[in-house]
Protein backbone atom coordinates (compact mmCIF):
# COMPACT_ATOMS: atom_id res chain seq x y z
CA UNK A 1 -28.56 14.36 6.54
CA UNK A 2 -24.98 15.56 6.54
CA UNK A 3 -23.15 15.49 3.23
CA UNK A 4 -20.65 12.63 2.98
CA UNK A 5 -17.42 12.79 1.01
CA UNK A 6 -14.65 10.25 0.62
CA UNK A 7 -10.92 10.25 -0.06
CA UNK A 8 -9.40 6.98 -1.26
CA UNK A 9 -5.66 6.62 -0.73
CA UNK A 10 -4.36 4.83 -3.81
CA UNK A 11 -1.04 6.45 -4.69
CA UNK A 12 1.38 3.90 -3.28
CA UNK A 13 3.40 1.84 -5.75
CA UNK A 14 3.23 -1.33 -3.66
CA UNK A 15 6.80 -2.57 -4.04
CA UNK A 16 6.13 -5.56 -1.78
CA UNK A 17 3.72 -6.93 -4.37
CA UNK A 18 6.76 -7.37 -6.67
CA UNK A 19 4.57 -6.71 -9.67
CA UNK A 20 4.37 -4.53 -12.76
CA UNK A 21 0.68 -4.03 -11.99
CA UNK A 22 -0.23 -0.99 -9.91
CA UNK A 23 -0.90 -2.20 -6.35
CA UNK A 24 -4.56 -1.25 -5.91
CA UNK A 25 -5.43 -2.78 -9.29
CA UNK A 26 -4.60 -6.30 -8.16
CA UNK A 27 -7.91 -8.16 -8.30
CA UNK A 28 -9.77 -9.80 -5.46
CA UNK A 29 -12.49 -12.14 -6.73
CA UNK A 30 -12.01 -10.67 -10.19
CA UNK A 31 -12.33 -6.97 -9.31
CA UNK A 32 -9.50 -4.50 -8.54
CA UNK A 33 -9.07 -3.83 -4.83
CA UNK A 34 -9.69 -0.10 -5.15
CA UNK A 35 -12.91 -0.71 -7.09
CA UNK A 36 -14.21 -2.84 -4.22
CA UNK A 37 -13.57 0.07 -1.86
CA UNK A 38 -15.26 2.63 -4.11
CA UNK A 39 -18.28 0.41 -4.78
CA UNK A 40 -18.84 -0.02 -1.04
CA UNK A 41 -18.46 3.71 -0.38
CA UNK A 42 -20.86 4.51 -3.21
CA UNK A 43 -23.60 2.67 -1.30
CA UNK A 44 -23.48 5.54 1.23
CA UNK A 45 -24.72 7.99 -1.44
CA UNK A 46 -21.63 10.14 -1.14
CA UNK A 47 -21.58 13.57 -2.74
CA UNK A 48 -18.00 13.23 -4.00
CA UNK A 49 -15.37 10.50 -4.05
CA UNK A 50 -11.77 11.56 -4.68
CA UNK A 51 -9.14 8.93 -5.39
CA UNK A 52 -5.55 9.97 -4.75
CA UNK A 53 -3.39 8.47 -7.48
CA UNK A 54 0.34 8.45 -8.07
CA UNK A 55 2.22 5.72 -9.87
CA UNK A 56 0.12 4.30 -12.69
CA UNK A 57 -2.44 7.10 -12.39
CA UNK A 58 -3.81 6.65 -15.92
CA UNK A 59 -4.30 2.92 -15.37
CA UNK A 60 -6.37 3.55 -12.25
CA UNK A 61 -8.44 6.21 -14.01
CA UNK A 62 -9.03 3.79 -16.86
CA UNK A 63 -10.41 1.15 -14.53
CA UNK A 64 -12.56 3.43 -12.38
CA UNK A 65 -13.84 5.80 -15.06
CA UNK A 66 -16.56 8.09 -13.71
CA UNK A 67 -16.90 6.28 -10.38
CA UNK A 68 -14.52 8.80 -8.85
CA UNK A 69 -12.80 12.13 -9.22
CA UNK A 70 -9.00 12.06 -9.05
CA UNK A 71 -6.16 14.03 -7.51
CA UNK A 72 -2.49 13.39 -8.23
CA UNK A 73 0.12 12.88 -5.53
CA UNK A 74 3.22 13.33 -7.67
CA UNK A 75 5.57 12.59 -4.77
CA UNK A 76 4.66 10.07 -2.07
CA UNK A 77 5.30 12.12 1.05
CA UNK A 78 2.97 10.36 3.49
CA UNK A 79 -0.72 9.84 4.09
CA UNK A 80 -1.48 13.38 5.29
CA UNK A 81 0.23 14.76 2.19
CA UNK A 82 -1.89 12.40 0.07
CA UNK A 83 -5.19 13.58 1.57
CA UNK A 84 -4.16 17.18 1.12
CA UNK A 85 -4.06 16.65 -2.66
CA UNK A 86 -7.89 16.61 -2.53
CA UNK A 87 -7.92 20.14 -1.08
CA UNK A 88 -8.97 21.90 -4.29
CA UNK A 89 -11.96 19.57 -4.66
CA UNK A 90 -13.16 19.21 -1.05
CA UNK A 91 -11.74 21.89 1.26
CA UNK A 92 -14.70 24.28 1.00
CA UNK A 93 -17.39 21.63 1.49
CA UNK A 94 -19.45 21.19 4.66
CA UNK A 95 -20.04 17.68 5.95
CA UNK A 96 -17.93 14.72 6.92
CA UNK A 97 -15.21 12.96 4.96
CA UNK A 98 -14.23 9.31 5.04
CA UNK A 99 -10.56 8.53 4.45
CA UNK A 100 -10.06 4.93 3.35
CA UNK A 101 -7.06 3.05 1.99
CA UNK A 102 -7.47 1.66 -1.51
CA UNK A 103 -5.82 -1.62 -0.50
CA UNK A 104 -8.57 -2.61 2.00
CA UNK A 105 -10.95 -4.45 -0.34
CA UNK A 106 -12.88 -6.23 2.42
CA UNK A 107 -14.28 -3.11 4.08
CA UNK A 108 -18.09 -3.07 4.01
CA UNK A 109 -20.50 -0.23 3.39
CA UNK A 110 -22.46 -1.17 6.53
CA UNK A 111 -19.36 -0.59 8.65
CA UNK A 112 -18.60 2.77 7.07
CA UNK A 113 -22.22 3.81 7.46
CA UNK A 114 -22.09 2.91 11.15
CA UNK A 115 -18.81 4.83 11.48
CA UNK A 116 -20.36 7.96 9.96
CA UNK A 117 -23.48 7.65 12.11
CA UNK A 118 -21.42 7.28 15.30
CA UNK A 119 -19.22 10.24 14.28
CA UNK A 120 -22.27 12.44 13.83
CA UNK A 121 -23.97 11.30 17.04
CA UNK A 122 -20.82 12.06 19.03
CA UNK A 123 -20.42 15.46 17.34
CA UNK A 124 -16.76 14.62 16.94
CA UNK A 125 -14.20 16.31 14.73
CA UNK A 126 -12.58 12.96 13.99
CA UNK A 127 -13.57 9.32 14.49
CA UNK A 128 -11.19 6.40 13.99
CA UNK A 129 -12.37 3.02 12.79
CA UNK A 130 -10.73 0.51 15.08
CA UNK A 131 -10.56 -3.27 15.33
CA UNK A 132 -10.01 -5.79 18.09
CA UNK A 133 -7.38 -8.51 17.70
CA UNK A 134 -5.65 -10.96 20.00
CA UNK A 135 -2.49 -10.40 17.96
CA UNK A 136 -1.97 -6.63 17.78
CA UNK A 137 1.78 -6.68 17.09
CA UNK A 138 2.71 -4.18 14.41
CA UNK A 139 -0.49 -2.14 14.72
CA UNK A 140 -0.97 1.30 16.23
CA UNK A 141 -2.79 1.02 19.59
CA UNK A 142 -5.86 3.08 20.48
CA UNK A 143 -5.45 4.59 23.93
CA UNK A 144 -8.84 5.71 25.30
CA UNK A 145 -9.74 7.96 28.19
CA UNK A 146 -12.03 6.80 31.00
CA UNK A 147 -14.90 8.49 29.17
CA UNK A 148 -14.18 6.40 26.07
CA UNK A 149 -12.82 9.15 23.85
CA UNK A 150 -9.47 8.72 22.16
CA UNK A 151 -6.46 10.05 24.01
CA UNK A 152 -3.92 9.13 21.36
CA UNK A 153 -2.73 6.56 18.84
CA UNK A 154 0.56 4.92 19.79
CA UNK A 155 2.58 3.08 17.17
CA UNK A 156 3.78 -0.36 18.21
CA UNK A 157 7.45 0.61 18.22
CA UNK A 158 6.72 3.58 20.49
CA UNK A 159 4.32 1.80 22.87
CA UNK A 160 5.17 1.02 26.48
CA UNK A 161 4.82 -2.53 27.78
CA UNK A 162 1.38 -1.67 29.22
CA UNK A 163 0.27 -0.01 26.00
CA UNK A 164 1.34 -3.06 24.01
CA UNK A 165 -1.24 -5.08 25.96
CA UNK A 166 -4.01 -2.99 24.39
CA UNK A 167 -5.80 -5.04 21.71
CA UNK A 168 -7.79 -2.26 20.06
CA UNK A 169 -5.88 -1.14 16.97
CA UNK A 170 -6.04 1.60 14.34
CA UNK A 171 -7.35 0.27 11.00
CA UNK A 172 -6.28 3.33 8.98
CA UNK A 173 -9.88 4.31 8.15
CA UNK A 174 -11.17 7.63 9.49
CA UNK A 175 -14.18 9.93 9.47
CA UNK A 176 -13.45 13.67 9.80
CA UNK A 177 -15.36 16.90 9.89
CA UNK A 178 -14.40 18.00 6.41
CA UNK A 179 -13.43 21.61 7.11
CA UNK A 180 -11.54 20.64 10.28
CA UNK A 181 -9.64 18.03 8.31
CA UNK A 182 -8.28 20.35 5.66
CA UNK A 183 -7.57 23.17 8.12
CA UNK A 184 -5.61 20.76 10.33
CA UNK A 185 -3.71 19.17 7.45
CA UNK A 186 -1.91 22.49 6.98
CA UNK A 187 -0.48 22.14 10.51
CA UNK A 188 0.95 18.63 10.06
CA UNK A 189 4.75 18.56 10.20
CA UNK A 190 7.19 16.18 8.52
CA UNK A 191 9.64 16.44 11.42
CA UNK A 192 10.23 12.72 11.71
CA UNK A 193 12.78 10.13 10.66
CA UNK A 194 11.08 9.51 7.32
CA UNK A 195 10.47 13.17 6.53
CA UNK A 196 6.83 12.42 5.69
CA UNK A 197 3.44 13.88 6.65
CA UNK A 198 1.31 11.34 8.58
CA UNK A 199 -2.48 11.39 8.84
CA UNK A 200 -2.59 10.18 12.49
CA UNK A 201 -0.87 13.48 13.37
CA UNK A 202 -4.18 15.17 12.51
CA UNK A 203 -5.72 13.30 15.45
CA UNK A 204 -3.05 14.56 17.83
CA UNK A 205 -3.38 18.16 16.62
CA UNK A 206 -7.17 18.08 17.03
CA UNK A 207 -6.81 16.63 20.55
CA UNK A 208 -4.30 19.30 21.53
CA UNK A 209 -6.77 21.91 20.30
CA UNK A 210 -9.42 20.52 22.64
CA UNK A 211 -11.52 18.96 19.88
CA UNK A 212 -13.43 15.73 20.39
CA UNK A 213 -11.90 12.60 18.86
CA UNK A 214 -13.76 9.31 19.12
CA UNK A 215 -13.34 5.73 17.91
CA UNK A 216 -15.81 3.19 16.50
CA UNK A 217 -14.85 -0.47 16.70
CA UNK A 218 -15.83 -2.82 13.88
CA UNK A 219 -17.17 -6.24 14.85
CA UNK A 220 -15.41 -7.93 11.89
CA UNK A 221 -11.65 -7.64 12.11
CA UNK A 222 -11.20 -9.37 8.74
CA UNK A 223 -12.58 -6.40 6.85
CA UNK A 224 -9.72 -4.20 8.04
CA UNK A 225 -7.12 -6.33 6.22
CA UNK A 226 -4.70 -4.19 4.22
CA UNK A 227 -3.14 -5.93 1.23
CA UNK A 228 0.59 -5.23 0.99
CA UNK A 229 1.87 -8.46 -0.57
CA UNK A 230 0.70 -11.58 -2.39
CA UNK A 231 0.15 -13.46 0.86
CA UNK A 232 -2.33 -10.86 2.09
CA UNK A 233 -3.88 -10.79 -1.39
CA UNK A 234 -4.61 -14.51 -1.16
CA UNK A 235 -6.06 -14.03 2.33
CA UNK A 236 -8.36 -11.29 1.05
CA UNK A 237 -9.42 -13.51 -1.86
CA UNK A 238 -10.29 -16.37 0.49
CA UNK A 239 -12.26 -14.18 2.91
CA UNK A 240 -14.20 -12.39 0.18
CA UNK A 241 -14.97 -15.61 -1.70
CA UNK A 242 -16.35 -17.13 1.49
CA UNK A 243 -18.38 -13.98 2.15
CA UNK A 244 -19.85 -14.02 -1.38
CA UNK A 245 -20.64 -17.74 -1.28
CA UNK A 246 -22.39 -17.47 2.08
CA UNK A 247 -24.54 -14.63 0.75
CA UNK A 248 -25.72 -16.74 -2.20
CA UNK A 249 -26.39 -19.81 -0.05
CA UNK A 250 -28.46 -17.73 2.36
CA UNK A 251 -30.40 -16.46 -0.67
CA UNK A 252 -31.41 -19.97 -1.70
CA UNK A 253 -28.56 -21.10 -3.96
CA UNK A 254 -27.00 -24.54 -3.46
CA UNK A 255 -23.21 -24.68 -3.66
CA UNK A 256 -22.20 -28.35 -3.66
CA UNK A 257 -18.63 -27.48 -2.65
CA UNK A 258 -18.29 -23.82 -1.59
CA UNK A 259 -14.53 -24.10 -1.17
CA UNK A 260 -14.25 -25.09 -4.85
CA UNK A 261 -16.68 -22.53 -6.25
CA UNK A 262 -15.55 -19.09 -7.41
CA UNK A 263 -18.20 -16.38 -7.69
CA UNK A 264 -17.49 -12.73 -8.47
CA UNK A 265 -18.94 -9.87 -6.41
CA UNK A 266 -21.29 -8.66 -9.17
CA UNK A 267 -22.88 -12.05 -9.98
CA UNK A 268 -26.62 -12.57 -9.38
CA UNK A 269 -28.03 -16.10 -8.95
CA UNK A 270 -31.69 -17.12 -8.62
CA UNK A 271 -33.14 -19.42 -5.99
CA UNK A 272 -32.91 -23.22 -6.21
CA UNK A 273 -30.04 -23.00 -8.67
CA UNK A 274 -27.29 -25.55 -8.02
CA UNK A 275 -23.64 -24.65 -8.59
CA UNK A 276 -21.35 -27.67 -8.92
CA UNK A 277 -17.63 -27.77 -7.97
CA UNK A 278 -14.97 -26.15 -10.11
CA UNK A 279 -17.33 -23.49 -11.46
CA UNK A 280 -16.14 -19.90 -12.01
CA UNK A 281 -18.81 -17.19 -12.34
CA UNK A 282 -17.50 -13.69 -13.03
CA UNK A 283 -18.32 -10.23 -14.34
CA UNK A 284 -21.95 -9.12 -14.40
CA UNK A 285 -23.36 -12.62 -14.83
CA UNK A 286 -27.04 -13.12 -14.03
CA UNK A 287 -28.36 -16.68 -13.59
CA UNK A 288 -32.05 -17.50 -13.20
CA UNK A 289 -33.93 -19.91 -10.95
CA UNK A 290 -33.64 -23.71 -10.94
CA UNK A 291 -30.48 -23.89 -13.06
CA UNK A 292 -27.70 -26.47 -12.91
CA UNK A 293 -24.27 -24.93 -13.49
CA UNK A 294 -21.09 -27.01 -13.66
CA UNK A 295 -19.12 -28.89 -12.69
CA UNK A 296 -16.04 -27.21 -14.13
CA UNK A 297 -17.78 -24.44 -16.05
CA UNK A 298 -16.61 -20.87 -16.62
CA UNK A 299 -19.23 -18.18 -17.21
CA UNK A 300 -18.46 -14.48 -17.61
CA UNK A 301 -20.81 -11.57 -18.30
CA UNK A 302 -23.72 -13.79 -19.33
CA UNK A 303 -27.46 -13.56 -18.73
CA UNK A 304 -28.97 -17.01 -18.25
CA UNK A 305 -32.69 -17.84 -17.97
CA UNK A 306 -34.49 -20.29 -15.68
CA UNK A 307 -34.17 -24.10 -15.77
CA UNK A 308 -30.97 -24.05 -17.85
CA UNK A 309 -28.14 -26.56 -17.52
CA UNK A 310 -24.51 -25.79 -18.37
CA UNK A 311 -22.02 -28.64 -17.83
CA UNK A 312 -18.22 -28.53 -18.25
CA UNK A 313 -18.48 -25.56 -20.61
CA UNK A 314 -17.34 -21.98 -21.18
CA UNK A 315 -19.66 -19.05 -21.93
CA UNK A 316 -18.88 -15.34 -22.14
CA UNK A 317 -20.62 -12.07 -22.99
CA UNK A 318 -23.75 -13.79 -24.24
CA UNK A 319 -27.46 -14.24 -23.54
CA UNK A 320 -28.78 -17.74 -22.88
CA UNK A 321 -32.49 -18.45 -22.50
CA UNK A 322 -34.64 -20.74 -20.37
CA UNK A 323 -34.66 -24.55 -20.51
CA UNK A 324 -31.39 -24.59 -22.46
CA UNK A 325 -28.97 -27.54 -22.26
CA UNK A 326 -25.30 -26.71 -22.90
CA UNK A 327 -22.38 -29.09 -22.76
CA UNK A 328 -20.45 -30.99 -21.87
CA UNK A 329 -17.43 -29.25 -23.36
CA UNK A 330 -19.24 -26.54 -25.33
CA UNK A 331 -17.95 -23.02 -25.92
CA UNK A 332 -20.33 -20.06 -26.15
CA UNK A 333 -18.24 -17.15 -27.37
CA UNK A 334 -19.13 -13.45 -27.14
CA UNK A 335 -22.18 -11.82 -28.74
CA UNK A 336 -24.20 -15.02 -28.95
CA UNK A 337 -27.94 -15.09 -28.23
CA UNK A 338 -29.31 -18.54 -27.48
CA UNK A 339 -33.08 -18.67 -27.21
CA UNK A 340 -35.22 -20.97 -25.06
CA UNK A 341 -35.17 -24.78 -25.30
CA UNK A 342 -31.96 -24.94 -27.33
CA UNK A 343 -29.52 -27.83 -27.09
CA UNK A 344 -25.81 -27.15 -27.55
CA UNK A 345 -23.99 -30.44 -27.17
CA UNK A 346 -20.45 -31.65 -26.64
CA UNK A 347 -17.64 -29.92 -28.50
CA UNK A 348 -19.93 -27.35 -30.13
CA UNK A 349 -18.62 -23.79 -30.50
CA UNK A 350 -20.97 -20.86 -31.08
CA UNK A 351 -19.70 -17.36 -31.83
CA UNK A 352 -21.61 -14.13 -32.53
CA UNK A 353 -24.71 -16.06 -33.51
CA UNK A 354 -28.43 -16.16 -32.83
CA UNK A 355 -29.84 -19.60 -32.07
CA UNK A 356 -33.64 -19.80 -32.31
CA UNK A 357 -36.05 -21.53 -29.95
CA UNK A 358 -35.86 -25.31 -29.92
CA UNK A 359 -32.89 -25.59 -32.25
CA UNK A 360 -30.13 -28.17 -31.75
CA UNK A 361 -26.44 -28.56 -32.46
CA UNK A 362 -25.77 -31.74 -30.57
CA UNK A 363 -22.09 -32.39 -31.22
CA UNK A 364 -18.84 -31.40 -32.93
CA UNK A 365 -19.98 -28.26 -34.77
CA UNK A 366 -18.82 -24.68 -35.26
CA UNK A 367 -21.53 -22.03 -35.70
CA UNK A 368 -20.03 -18.56 -36.19
CA UNK A 369 -21.57 -15.33 -37.52
CA UNK A 370 -24.90 -17.05 -38.08
CA UNK A 371 -28.63 -16.49 -37.69
CA UNK A 372 -30.21 -19.82 -36.85
CA UNK A 373 -34.01 -19.96 -36.77
CA UNK A 374 -36.33 -22.03 -34.60
CA UNK A 375 -36.50 -25.84 -34.59
CA UNK A 376 -33.35 -26.22 -36.66
CA UNK A 377 -31.30 -29.43 -36.42
CA UNK A 378 -27.59 -29.05 -37.16
CA UNK A 379 -25.94 -32.42 -37.66
CA UNK A 380 -22.66 -33.62 -36.22
CA UNK A 381 -19.54 -32.02 -37.66
CA UNK A 382 -21.32 -29.17 -39.46
CA UNK A 383 -19.61 -25.81 -39.92
CA UNK A 384 -20.60 -22.31 -40.96
CA UNK A 385 -17.60 -21.29 -43.06
CA UNK A 386 -17.60 -17.61 -42.12
CA UNK A 387 -14.09 -16.40 -42.98
CA UNK A 388 -12.40 -16.05 -46.38
CA UNK A 389 -9.04 -14.96 -44.97
CA UNK A 390 -9.93 -11.27 -44.98
CA UNK A 391 -13.58 -10.78 -44.00
CA UNK A 392 -16.34 -12.47 -42.00
CA UNK A 393 -19.68 -13.27 -43.62
CA UNK A 394 -23.16 -14.19 -42.37
CA UNK A 395 -24.91 -17.54 -42.64
CA UNK A 396 -28.72 -17.64 -42.36
CA UNK A 397 -30.50 -20.88 -41.48
CA UNK A 398 -34.24 -20.34 -41.40
CA UNK A 399 -36.87 -22.11 -39.28
CA UNK A 400 -37.26 -25.87 -39.45
CA UNK A 401 -34.10 -26.57 -41.47
CA UNK A 402 -32.30 -29.93 -41.22
CA UNK A 403 -28.54 -29.79 -41.79
CA UNK A 404 -27.03 -33.22 -42.38
CA UNK A 405 -23.83 -34.36 -40.72
CA UNK A 406 -20.46 -33.08 -41.88
CA UNK A 407 -21.88 -30.18 -43.92
CA UNK A 408 -20.10 -26.92 -44.74
CA UNK A 409 -22.19 -23.78 -45.24
CA UNK A 410 -19.91 -21.31 -47.04
CA UNK A 411 -21.05 -17.79 -46.15
CA UNK A 412 -22.65 -15.61 -47.29
CA UNK A 413 -25.42 -18.14 -47.77
CA UNK A 414 -29.06 -18.66 -46.79
CA UNK A 415 -30.81 -21.99 -46.25
CA UNK A 416 -34.55 -21.40 -46.64
CA UNK A 417 -37.34 -22.41 -44.31
CA UNK A 418 -37.92 -26.15 -43.97
CA UNK A 419 -35.07 -27.11 -46.32
CA UNK A 420 -32.84 -30.18 -46.01
CA UNK A 421 -29.10 -30.27 -46.63
CA UNK A 422 -27.74 -33.73 -47.34
CA UNK A 423 -24.92 -35.08 -45.19
CA UNK A 424 -21.44 -34.31 -46.45
CA UNK A 425 -22.52 -31.31 -48.55
CA UNK A 426 -20.57 -28.11 -49.10
CA UNK A 427 -23.18 -25.42 -49.71
CA UNK A 428 -21.99 -22.34 -51.60
CA UNK A 429 -25.32 -21.09 -53.01
CA UNK A 430 -28.62 -20.26 -51.35
CA UNK A 431 -30.96 -23.21 -50.73
CA UNK A 432 -34.67 -22.52 -51.42
CA UNK A 433 -37.19 -23.33 -48.72
CA UNK A 434 -38.70 -26.84 -48.59
CA UNK A 435 -36.00 -28.21 -50.90
CA UNK A 436 -33.25 -30.80 -50.59
CA UNK A 437 -29.75 -29.66 -51.42
CA UNK A 438 -27.03 -32.19 -52.22
CA UNK A 439 -23.58 -30.76 -52.88
CA UNK A 440 -21.13 -33.65 -53.08
CA UNK A 441 -19.52 -35.80 -55.76
CA UNK A 442 -21.47 -38.87 -56.85
CA UNK A 443 -20.16 -42.07 -55.29
CA UNK A 444 -18.06 -44.24 -57.60
CA UNK A 445 -17.23 -47.86 -56.71
CA UNK A 446 -14.28 -49.40 -58.60
CA UNK A 447 -14.71 -53.14 -58.28
CA UNK A 448 -11.64 -55.34 -57.79
CA UNK A 449 -9.45 -52.21 -57.50
CA UNK A 450 -7.58 -53.56 -54.48
CA UNK A 451 -6.48 -56.65 -56.48
CA UNK A 452 -4.97 -54.34 -59.12
CA UNK A 453 -3.07 -52.48 -56.43
CA UNK A 454 -1.70 -55.75 -55.08
CA UNK A 455 -0.57 -56.83 -58.56
CA UNK A 456 1.53 -53.68 -58.86
CA UNK A 457 3.48 -54.36 -55.67
């Protein structure tokens, strides 16, 4: 198998986006465009990926981390000049090199794999990924010979009337023989109106040298979409969201209203799970089988077991077990671990807490920085008072505890196994197991007090 390398063009500022955010970092379905491209290329088991960065280079590096090596294009002098910045990393390698734009988030690994395979079968020095469209205005046309090889690429403004009838266009993605690419880049001239070095000139130079140049046409024109403004960004979002939703439905997930369901590219969902309208699933969320999610729920970076229901609620960066019922209107904040058969009811907030098997907080409670055991009942309006204005402290509620309504547990405090806390209590000291703790003022009834008040009017 020939070694495969990749160069991602990501140095353009993207002025048409009219944004402070670096162009290729604009998200599509929650992930930066350039990361989509690199993740797809990585499926080809490439030896090296080099991302060409310019404006906002450190931001891009921060997002991509070790997914790519980087080369800096300090001045944006055209696409050929950009690829040449990878010379120190790639020029001496044998194999083929993909060149892909970082603003084409819809491109699929299957297409690039087919492009590489065709390139190798044809023993070509360069292969262009092309697309077919009934509306080719603005695109460079692919002019083929009778044998099917590429004669030339003609830009729209330079095309004759006959050439403008051609509907096969250049997508801006290429596969090159690596050594031929970097040798030819040295011959590219900037003798043009813009004074820039253009990558399609490599094709012309190779043709003039008698080398074989071929083209591979993708069957899905949508994946060639380049995002240059917010309109194209919204189009990419719509296409990718539809693609993701179809994948999950074909895998046995029910989406009640796909057009109103938003699922990120790295989300995993088990079979026979039902996703209701208005639900947003993002990050590396994993949902088990036979779950009911939504409507109107937002879940990010959570692992959720089988047979769990989450209604009208928000959960992030947490682990949620099997047969759990959450919501409506609950909030599971980061670093929470909710075990099996737990009930988290309406207007309950849980933060950085462990909730043991079978425990319940049915309504109107805040549980933060707590370790809750199994089979615990937390009454309505109860709070773990975890913050003294400077530091956070831990509350421990052991197995089988019953916390009465409207109780405050002032951390650090432990309520022992099987204990009861009377409703309305403010607990500041540890409660021994199997005991009843009452921490409230004794009720005093002042008879006829209202008459005295009326006399004073």
